[in-house]
């Protein structure tokens, strides 16, 4: 009996949709409104950027779901690239996730959490990065004690992320009196919709997980697209409403100035100092839970690579704790790189670099649906992306626009990410040569 057949098919629509919502909503909705307003210059374009980011995410989720059901293996993007494009491309996607995407996401979340905590308790701002680093290390230790402990923390904090979102939306739209549309951000930077959409995609990040549970659904052909469409539309609505509520409470220029602390400041205006602190705690809970989830899952990529001898010192990074059954060495690899990043740069830079780097490979992953259909021509599919080929083409073109606009808007940082990606090639060929000499 193969692994797919052995899975219990007991996931219905409500559970599947909650998985989509739970894996996407994290910290970005609280951290990114200021960045998006700064890049767009006014509230109209900012709201449009959030909507477009959601539509690209929706198209990407629907497309990847078909790829995932045709390649029902653990490993996500890393495995899809290898199965469709070969070992080299699989390695490069894993390399980028190991040295850029994973550590940058962990580092950004840690810094956002630290910034929120110093603002919450009126501590010295210089303490923020150290609080973030301490939190990353604490959650690393918790997760290394076993996935059941990390999973417990994850379940504990899932509900917490929804409470501040709901309260800010309801009371912000009800009690706010600031101008929502045509509100200027007061920024003088050049308008860049590509950079703005890229910033929103950090908030939408996590959608790649939606196809992983297709094999456990009662009727994936019907349930999966409904879960993706319903889940991501709910997330889009929540994100747009939070931004509308923030704009109704605070002037757009103030949202830009406050940055990642704008939601907490808006909550203080709505609920007073005590209520504002309680909402800020809820936001911190959301970020903490999101950070825990990333530390729990992200190291599985370098662990899988090490198992295939695709990293230097693979014999170390492929080790699993005898007592706890966790990939401790791979986890610390990600965390060490993340802490170095946290010490040298800011969270907005890290989050945007992470999304830019991984979206280069998402373009290939979206195109994979065409290659798989050609490869498996005539075979029955468990799930087919609706409105084919329109939705995959939209996902590809949207991603190409984001990557291209980012390169034009910020060529140095974009080329740095591309250089780090290409730097994986000599490592790959060195490992291949050593493998041939050993065999």
Protein backbone atom coordinates (compact mmCIF):
# COMPACT_ATOMS: atom_id res chain seq x y z
CA UNK A 1 0.00 0.00 0.00
CA UNK A 2 1.47 3.36 -0.99
CA UNK A 3 1.62 6.35 1.33
CA UNK A 4 -1.20 8.18 -0.44
CA UNK A 5 -3.59 5.23 -0.17
CA UNK A 6 -2.75 4.70 3.50
CA UNK A 7 -3.82 8.22 4.50
CA UNK A 8 -7.21 8.55 6.18
CA UNK A 9 -9.50 10.65 4.01
CA UNK A 10 -11.41 12.46 6.74
CA UNK A 11 -10.74 16.16 6.05
CA UNK A 12 -13.89 18.02 5.04
CA UNK A 13 -14.41 21.52 3.67
CA UNK A 14 -14.52 23.38 7.02
CA UNK A 15 -11.28 21.79 8.28
CA UNK A 16 -9.55 22.31 4.92
CA UNK A 17 -10.59 25.97 4.84
CA UNK A 18 -9.38 26.50 8.41
CA UNK A 19 -5.99 25.01 7.39
CA UNK A 20 -5.76 27.56 4.55
CA UNK A 21 -6.71 30.48 6.81
CA UNK A 22 -4.50 29.28 9.67
CA UNK A 23 -1.38 28.83 7.53
CA UNK A 24 -1.72 32.18 5.75
CA UNK A 25 -2.73 34.61 8.52
CA UNK A 26 0.29 35.35 10.65
CA UNK A 27 2.09 38.61 11.30
CA UNK A 28 2.14 40.43 7.96
CA UNK A 29 -1.31 41.98 8.29
CA UNK A 30 -0.14 43.85 11.39
CA UNK A 31 3.37 44.61 10.16
CA UNK A 32 2.96 45.59 6.50
CA UNK A 33 0.25 48.30 6.14
CA UNK A 34 2.83 51.06 6.65
CA UNK A 35 5.27 49.61 4.10
CA UNK A 36 2.54 49.20 1.47
CA UNK A 37 1.33 52.79 2.00
CA UNK A 38 4.91 54.05 1.76
CA UNK A 39 5.49 52.28 -1.55
CA UNK A 40 2.16 53.38 -3.09
CA UNK A 41 1.93 56.93 -1.75
CA UNK A 42 -1.83 56.87 -1.14
CA UNK A 43 -4.56 54.71 0.34
CA UNK A 44 -6.31 53.86 -2.95
CA UNK A 45 -3.22 52.25 -4.46
CA UNK A 46 -2.40 50.59 -1.12
CA UNK A 47 -5.79 48.86 -0.99
CA UNK A 48 -5.39 47.87 -4.65
CA UNK A 49 -1.98 46.34 -3.84
CA UNK A 50 -3.55 44.24 -1.05
CA UNK A 51 -6.28 43.07 -3.44
CA UNK A 52 -3.82 42.21 -6.23
CA UNK A 53 -1.54 40.39 -3.79
CA UNK A 54 -4.54 38.33 -2.72
CA UNK A 55 -5.54 37.53 -6.32
CA UNK A 56 -1.99 36.41 -7.18
CA UNK A 57 -2.01 34.27 -4.04
CA UNK A 58 -5.38 32.78 -4.98
CA UNK A 59 -4.21 31.96 -8.51
CA UNK A 60 -0.97 30.52 -7.15
CA UNK A 61 -2.76 28.39 -4.57
CA UNK A 62 -5.19 26.94 -7.13
CA UNK A 63 -2.31 26.18 -9.50
CA UNK A 64 0.04 24.64 -6.94
CA UNK A 65 -2.82 22.46 -5.65
CA UNK A 66 -2.85 20.58 -8.96
CA UNK A 67 0.94 20.19 -8.88
CA UNK A 68 0.73 18.94 -5.28
CA UNK A 69 -1.90 16.32 -6.06
CA UNK A 70 0.15 15.03 -9.00
CA UNK A 71 3.32 14.87 -6.86
CA UNK A 72 2.00 13.57 -3.50
CA UNK A 73 5.37 13.65 -1.73
CA UNK A 74 6.63 15.48 1.36
CA UNK A 75 8.93 18.43 0.70
CA UNK A 76 6.80 21.06 -1.04
CA UNK A 77 8.54 23.35 -3.53
CA UNK A 78 11.85 21.50 -3.21
CA UNK A 79 10.27 18.22 -4.35
CA UNK A 80 8.08 19.80 -7.05
CA UNK A 81 11.11 21.44 -8.67
CA UNK A 82 13.13 18.23 -8.57
CA UNK A 83 10.34 16.04 -9.94
CA UNK A 84 9.48 18.40 -12.81
CA UNK A 85 12.79 20.08 -13.70
CA UNK A 86 15.44 17.69 -12.40
CA UNK A 87 17.87 17.38 -9.51
CA UNK A 88 19.75 20.65 -10.11
CA UNK A 89 16.63 22.83 -10.01
CA UNK A 90 15.33 20.98 -6.98
CA UNK A 91 18.65 21.60 -5.26
CA UNK A 92 18.66 25.33 -6.13
CA UNK A 93 15.14 25.83 -4.76
CA UNK A 94 16.16 24.01 -1.58
CA UNK A 95 19.35 26.06 -1.38
CA UNK A 96 17.40 29.34 -1.62
CA UNK A 97 14.93 28.16 1.01
CA UNK A 98 17.85 27.14 3.27
CA UNK A 99 20.15 30.17 2.99
CA UNK A 100 17.71 33.02 2.16
CA UNK A 101 13.98 32.36 2.48
CA UNK A 102 13.79 30.31 5.69
CA UNK A 103 16.28 32.30 7.80
CA UNK A 104 14.97 35.64 6.47
CA UNK A 105 11.37 34.76 7.41
CA UNK A 106 12.43 33.61 10.89
CA UNK A 107 14.62 36.69 11.32
CA UNK A 108 11.91 39.11 10.17
CA UNK A 109 9.31 37.61 12.51
CA UNK A 110 11.76 37.70 15.42
CA UNK A 111 12.56 41.37 14.80
CA UNK A 112 8.88 42.28 14.40
CA UNK A 113 8.12 40.53 17.70
CA UNK A 114 10.98 42.35 19.46
CA UNK A 115 9.86 45.72 18.10
CA UNK A 116 6.30 45.12 19.26
CA UNK A 117 7.42 44.08 22.75
CA UNK A 118 9.60 47.17 23.34
CA UNK A 119 6.72 49.35 22.13
CA UNK A 120 4.26 47.49 24.37
CA UNK A 121 6.32 47.94 27.52
CA UNK A 122 7.94 51.29 26.57
CA UNK A 123 11.42 49.79 26.73
CA UNK A 124 14.55 51.10 25.02
CA UNK A 125 14.27 50.47 21.24
CA UNK A 126 17.76 49.01 21.17
CA UNK A 127 16.44 46.05 23.20
CA UNK A 128 14.15 45.01 20.32
CA UNK A 129 16.58 42.91 18.26
CA UNK A 130 17.86 41.14 21.39
CA UNK A 131 14.32 40.29 22.50
CA UNK A 132 13.70 38.95 18.99
CA UNK A 133 16.88 36.84 19.05
CA UNK A 134 16.03 35.53 22.53
CA UNK A 135 12.54 34.56 21.37
CA UNK A 136 13.91 32.73 18.33
CA UNK A 137 16.33 30.79 20.53
CA UNK A 138 13.59 29.97 23.07
CA UNK A 139 11.24 28.60 20.40
CA UNK A 140 14.11 26.67 18.83
CA UNK A 141 14.73 24.88 22.14
CA UNK A 142 10.97 24.22 22.57
CA UNK A 143 10.68 22.71 19.10
CA UNK A 144 13.80 20.62 19.53
CA UNK A 145 12.14 18.88 22.48
CA UNK A 146 9.76 17.31 19.98
CA UNK A 147 7.07 18.25 17.49
CA UNK A 148 4.31 17.58 20.01
CA UNK A 149 5.55 20.53 22.11
CA UNK A 150 5.91 22.80 19.09
CA UNK A 151 2.48 21.64 17.89
CA UNK A 152 0.99 22.40 21.31
CA UNK A 153 2.35 25.95 21.17
CA UNK A 154 1.01 26.29 17.61
CA UNK A 155 -2.52 25.21 18.57
CA UNK A 156 -2.46 27.44 21.65
CA UNK A 157 -1.68 30.55 19.62
CA UNK A 158 -3.81 29.93 16.50
CA UNK A 159 -6.99 31.47 17.95
CA UNK A 160 -5.02 34.39 19.40
CA UNK A 161 -4.21 35.74 15.93
CA UNK A 162 -7.89 36.12 15.01
CA UNK A 163 -9.00 38.10 18.07
CA UNK A 164 -7.10 41.38 17.40
CA UNK A 165 -8.00 41.22 13.70
CA UNK A 166 -11.72 40.98 14.47
CA UNK A 167 -11.65 43.70 17.14
CA UNK A 168 -9.65 46.18 15.04
CA UNK A 169 -11.97 45.65 12.04
CA UNK A 170 -15.24 45.97 13.97
CA UNK A 171 -14.38 48.88 16.24
CA UNK A 172 -12.09 50.64 13.76
CA UNK A 173 -14.75 50.86 11.06
CA UNK A 174 -17.40 51.72 13.67
CA UNK A 175 -15.56 54.43 15.62
CA UNK A 176 -12.93 55.77 13.22
CA UNK A 177 -13.31 59.17 11.55
CA UNK A 178 -10.19 59.56 9.39
CA UNK A 179 -10.33 59.71 5.60
CA UNK A 180 -10.06 56.24 4.04
CA UNK A 181 -9.91 56.86 0.28
CA UNK A 182 -7.54 59.31 -1.41
CA UNK A 183 -5.49 59.61 1.79
CA UNK A 184 -1.88 60.59 1.11
CA UNK A 185 0.88 58.71 2.91
CA UNK A 186 3.05 61.81 2.91
CA UNK A 187 6.01 59.83 1.58
CA UNK A 188 8.32 61.17 -1.09
CA UNK A 189 9.74 57.86 -2.37
CA UNK A 190 9.01 56.86 -5.94
CA UNK A 191 5.73 54.94 -6.25
CA UNK A 192 6.29 51.23 -6.88
CA UNK A 193 3.28 48.91 -7.13
CA UNK A 194 5.64 45.96 -7.58
CA UNK A 195 7.34 46.64 -4.24
CA UNK A 196 3.94 47.24 -2.61
CA UNK A 197 2.51 43.92 -3.85
CA UNK A 198 5.73 42.18 -2.80
CA UNK A 199 5.20 43.56 0.72
CA UNK A 200 1.62 42.23 0.81
CA UNK A 201 2.82 38.79 -0.27
CA UNK A 202 4.70 38.43 3.02
CA UNK A 203 1.29 38.68 4.71
CA UNK A 204 -0.18 36.12 2.28
CA UNK A 205 2.81 33.78 2.63
CA UNK A 206 1.95 30.24 3.71
CA UNK A 207 -0.42 29.38 0.87
CA UNK A 208 2.00 26.74 -0.47
CA UNK A 209 0.83 24.51 2.39
CA UNK A 210 -2.72 24.22 1.01
CA UNK A 211 -1.98 21.32 -1.33
CA UNK A 212 -0.16 19.22 1.27
CA UNK A 213 -3.34 17.72 2.76
CA UNK A 214 -5.07 16.87 -0.54
CA UNK A 215 -4.50 13.14 0.02
CA UNK A 216 -6.41 13.30 3.31
CA UNK A 217 -9.52 14.98 1.89
CA UNK A 218 -12.80 13.14 1.43
CA UNK A 219 -13.30 14.51 -2.08
CA UNK A 220 -10.22 16.56 -3.04
CA UNK A 221 -11.48 17.35 -6.54
CA UNK A 222 -14.33 19.39 -5.02
CA UNK A 223 -13.03 20.18 -1.52
CA UNK A 224 -9.57 21.51 -2.44
CA UNK A 225 -10.60 24.33 -4.83
CA UNK A 226 -13.47 25.34 -2.51
CA UNK A 227 -11.09 25.43 0.48
CA UNK A 228 -8.49 27.47 -1.40
CA UNK A 229 -10.98 29.92 -2.93
CA UNK A 230 -13.02 30.27 0.27
CA UNK A 231 -10.01 30.42 2.60
CA UNK A 232 -7.97 32.93 0.60
CA UNK A 233 -11.03 35.13 -0.10
CA UNK A 234 -11.69 35.25 3.66
CA UNK A 235 -8.03 36.20 4.25
CA UNK A 236 -8.23 38.87 1.51
CA UNK A 237 -11.39 40.30 3.06
CA UNK A 238 -9.79 40.35 6.51
CA UNK A 239 -6.64 42.06 5.20
CA UNK A 240 -8.57 44.71 3.25
CA UNK A 241 -10.88 45.38 6.20
CA UNK A 242 -7.95 45.71 8.62
CA UNK A 243 -6.35 48.26 6.30
CA UNK A 244 -9.64 50.15 5.93
CA UNK A 245 -10.05 50.14 9.72
CA UNK A 246 -6.48 51.41 10.26
CA UNK A 247 -6.99 54.17 7.70
CA UNK A 248 -10.24 55.10 9.45
CA UNK A 249 -8.43 55.38 12.82
CA UNK A 250 -5.04 56.85 11.85
CA UNK A 251 -3.94 59.24 9.08
CA UNK A 252 -2.09 57.38 6.31
CA UNK A 253 1.10 59.33 7.06
CA UNK A 254 0.92 58.23 10.72
CA UNK A 255 0.56 54.56 9.69
CA UNK A 256 3.76 54.92 7.66
CA UNK A 257 5.57 56.63 10.55
CA UNK A 258 4.51 54.02 13.12
CA UNK A 259 5.40 51.11 10.82
CA UNK A 260 4.98 47.73 12.51
CA UNK A 261 3.48 49.41 15.60
CA UNK A 262 0.56 51.06 13.77
CA UNK A 263 -1.99 48.35 14.64
CA UNK A 264 -1.09 48.48 18.34
CA UNK A 265 -1.29 52.29 18.31
CA UNK A 266 -4.69 52.14 16.59
CA UNK A 267 -5.88 49.73 19.27
CA UNK A 268 -4.80 52.21 21.99
CA UNK A 269 -6.90 54.93 20.31
CA UNK A 270 -9.91 52.58 20.13
CA UNK A 271 -9.75 50.90 23.52
CA UNK A 272 -7.65 53.19 25.70
CA UNK A 273 -4.22 52.38 27.19
CA UNK A 274 -5.29 49.11 28.88
CA UNK A 275 -7.41 47.87 25.98
CA UNK A 276 -4.69 48.87 23.54
CA UNK A 277 -2.14 46.87 25.50
CA UNK A 278 -4.45 43.83 25.49
CA UNK A 279 -4.83 44.05 21.70
CA UNK A 280 -1.06 44.52 21.37
CA UNK A 281 -0.63 41.35 23.43
CA UNK A 282 -2.98 39.61 20.99
CA UNK A 283 -0.87 40.80 18.06
CA UNK A 284 2.27 39.61 19.85
CA UNK A 285 0.56 36.24 20.38
CA UNK A 286 -0.14 36.07 16.63
CA UNK A 287 3.48 36.82 15.72
CA UNK A 288 4.78 34.42 18.38
CA UNK A 289 2.58 31.62 17.04
CA UNK A 290 3.58 32.38 13.44
CA UNK A 291 7.28 32.38 14.40
CA UNK A 292 6.85 29.06 16.19
CA UNK A 293 5.20 27.55 13.11
CA UNK A 294 8.09 28.66 10.89
CA UNK A 295 10.74 27.28 13.27
CA UNK A 296 8.74 24.03 13.41
CA UNK A 297 8.47 23.57 9.63
CA UNK A 298 11.22 25.52 7.79
CA UNK A 299 14.18 23.32 8.94
CA UNK A 300 12.55 20.32 7.24
CA UNK A 301 13.90 21.61 3.91
CA UNK A 302 17.63 21.59 4.81
CA UNK A 303 17.02 18.31 6.67
CA UNK A 304 15.56 16.75 3.49
CA UNK A 305 18.48 18.14 1.47
CA UNK A 306 21.01 16.76 3.94
CA UNK A 307 19.37 13.34 3.77
CA UNK A 308 20.10 13.43 0.02
CA UNK A 309 23.66 14.66 0.61
CA UNK A 310 22.89 18.02 -1.00
CA UNK A 311 24.46 20.22 1.68
CA UNK A 312 28.03 20.55 2.95
CA UNK A 313 28.38 18.51 6.17
CA UNK A 314 25.20 16.61 5.29
CA UNK A 315 26.13 13.89 7.79
CA UNK A 316 25.60 16.48 10.56
CA UNK A 317 22.49 18.25 9.23
CA UNK A 318 20.70 14.96 8.50
CA UNK A 319 20.95 13.85 12.12
CA UNK A 320 17.80 13.36 14.17
CA UNK A 321 17.72 13.55 17.96
CA UNK A 322 17.63 10.00 19.40
CA UNK A 323 15.51 11.19 22.31
CA UNK A 324 13.11 13.67 20.69
CA UNK A 325 13.11 12.64 17.00
CA UNK A 326 13.69 16.20 15.78
CA UNK A 327 16.20 17.54 13.19
CA UNK A 328 18.18 19.55 15.74
CA UNK A 329 21.24 20.32 13.58
CA UNK A 330 19.14 21.47 10.59
CA UNK A 331 17.06 23.65 12.92
CA UNK A 332 20.13 25.33 14.41
CA UNK A 333 21.55 25.87 10.91
CA UNK A 334 18.48 27.93 10.00
CA UNK A 335 18.45 29.77 13.32
CA UNK A 336 22.14 30.72 13.21
CA UNK A 337 21.75 32.20 9.70
CA UNK A 338 18.56 33.96 10.87
CA UNK A 339 20.31 35.53 13.88
CA UNK A 340 23.17 36.79 11.68
CA UNK A 341 20.57 38.41 9.41
CA UNK A 342 18.80 39.91 12.43
CA UNK A 343 22.02 41.54 13.57
CA UNK A 344 22.85 43.20 10.25
CA UNK A 345 19.54 44.37 8.77
CA UNK A 346 15.89 45.28 9.41
CA UNK A 347 12.72 43.13 9.29
CA UNK A 348 11.14 44.80 6.24
CA UNK A 349 14.26 44.13 4.20
CA UNK A 350 14.38 40.50 5.35
CA UNK A 351 10.71 39.81 4.64
CA UNK A 352 10.84 41.33 1.17
CA UNK A 353 14.11 39.59 0.26
CA UNK A 354 12.61 36.27 1.38
CA UNK A 355 9.50 36.66 -0.78
CA UNK A 356 11.47 37.93 -3.80
CA UNK A 357 13.89 34.99 -3.66
CA UNK A 358 11.21 32.31 -3.35
CA UNK A 359 8.91 33.83 -5.99
CA UNK A 360 11.59 33.25 -8.63
CA UNK A 361 11.00 29.54 -8.07
CA UNK A 362 7.23 29.90 -7.71
CA UNK A 363 7.17 30.99 -11.36
CA UNK A 364 8.70 27.64 -12.33
CA UNK A 365 6.36 25.81 -9.95
CA UNK A 366 3.32 27.46 -11.58
CA UNK A 367 4.58 26.55 -15.05
CA UNK A 368 5.00 22.96 -13.85
CA UNK A 369 1.24 22.43 -14.19
CA UNK A 370 1.62 22.69 -18.00
CA UNK A 371 4.55 20.26 -18.05
CA UNK A 372 2.76 17.75 -15.81
CA UNK A 373 -0.38 17.83 -17.96
CA UNK A 374 1.73 17.12 -21.01
CA UNK A 375 3.68 14.39 -19.18
CA UNK A 376 0.53 12.70 -17.83
CA UNK A 377 -1.66 13.30 -20.87
CA UNK A 378 -4.82 11.20 -20.75
CA UNK A 379 -4.46 10.30 -17.08
CA UNK A 380 -7.28 11.10 -14.67
CA UNK A 381 -6.45 13.87 -12.19
CA UNK A 382 -7.62 14.00 -8.58
CA UNK A 383 -7.92 17.78 -8.92
CA UNK A 384 -7.66 20.16 -11.88
CA UNK A 385 -7.04 23.89 -11.60
CA UNK A 386 -10.26 25.69 -12.65
CA UNK A 387 -10.37 27.94 -15.72
CA UNK A 388 -7.18 26.35 -17.09
CA UNK A 389 -5.00 27.87 -18.54
CA UNK A 390 -6.19 31.35 -17.43
CA UNK A 391 -5.48 30.98 -13.71
CA UNK A 392 -1.96 29.48 -14.05
CA UNK A 393 -1.07 32.15 -16.64
CA UNK A 394 -2.31 34.88 -14.29
CA UNK A 395 -0.22 33.40 -11.45
CA UNK A 396 2.87 33.30 -13.70
CA UNK A 397 2.42 36.81 -15.12
CA UNK A 398 1.70 38.28 -11.68
CA UNK A 399 4.83 36.68 -10.26
CA UNK A 400 6.97 37.76 -13.23
CA UNK A 401 5.73 41.32 -12.74
CA UNK A 402 6.63 41.26 -9.03
CA UNK A 403 10.11 39.84 -9.66
CA UNK A 404 10.78 42.20 -12.58
CA UNK A 405 9.48 45.30 -10.78
CA UNK A 406 11.56 44.45 -7.72
CA UNK A 407 14.73 44.13 -9.81
CA UNK A 408 14.04 47.51 -11.45
CA UNK A 409 13.07 49.21 -8.17
CA UNK A 410 15.85 47.76 -6.03
CA UNK A 411 18.51 46.28 -8.33
CA UNK A 412 21.32 45.96 -5.77
CA UNK A 413 19.37 43.95 -3.20
CA UNK A 414 17.62 41.90 -5.91
CA UNK A 415 20.92 41.03 -7.57
CA UNK A 416 22.35 40.15 -4.15
CA UNK A 417 19.57 37.58 -3.68
CA UNK A 418 20.14 36.26 -7.21
CA UNK A 419 23.91 36.08 -6.59
CA UNK A 420 23.36 34.02 -3.40
CA UNK A 421 21.08 31.73 -5.43
CA UNK A 422 23.69 31.26 -8.18
CA UNK A 423 26.37 30.76 -5.50
CA UNK A 424 24.67 27.45 -4.79
CA UNK A 425 25.82 26.10 -8.17
CA UNK A 426 29.53 25.56 -7.31
CA UNK A 427 28.44 23.97 -4.02
CA UNK A 428 26.17 21.61 -5.96
CA UNK A 429 28.86 20.57 -8.44
CA UNK A 430 31.40 20.17 -5.63
CA UNK A 431 29.02 17.84 -3.78
CA UNK A 432 28.30 15.92 -6.99
CA UNK A 433 32.03 15.44 -7.64
CA UNK A 434 32.64 14.23 -4.08
CA UNK A 435 29.73 11.82 -4.38
CA UNK A 436 31.17 10.33 -7.58
CA UNK A 437 34.62 9.99 -5.97
CA UNK A 438 33.15 8.21 -2.95
CA UNK A 439 31.09 5.80 -5.04
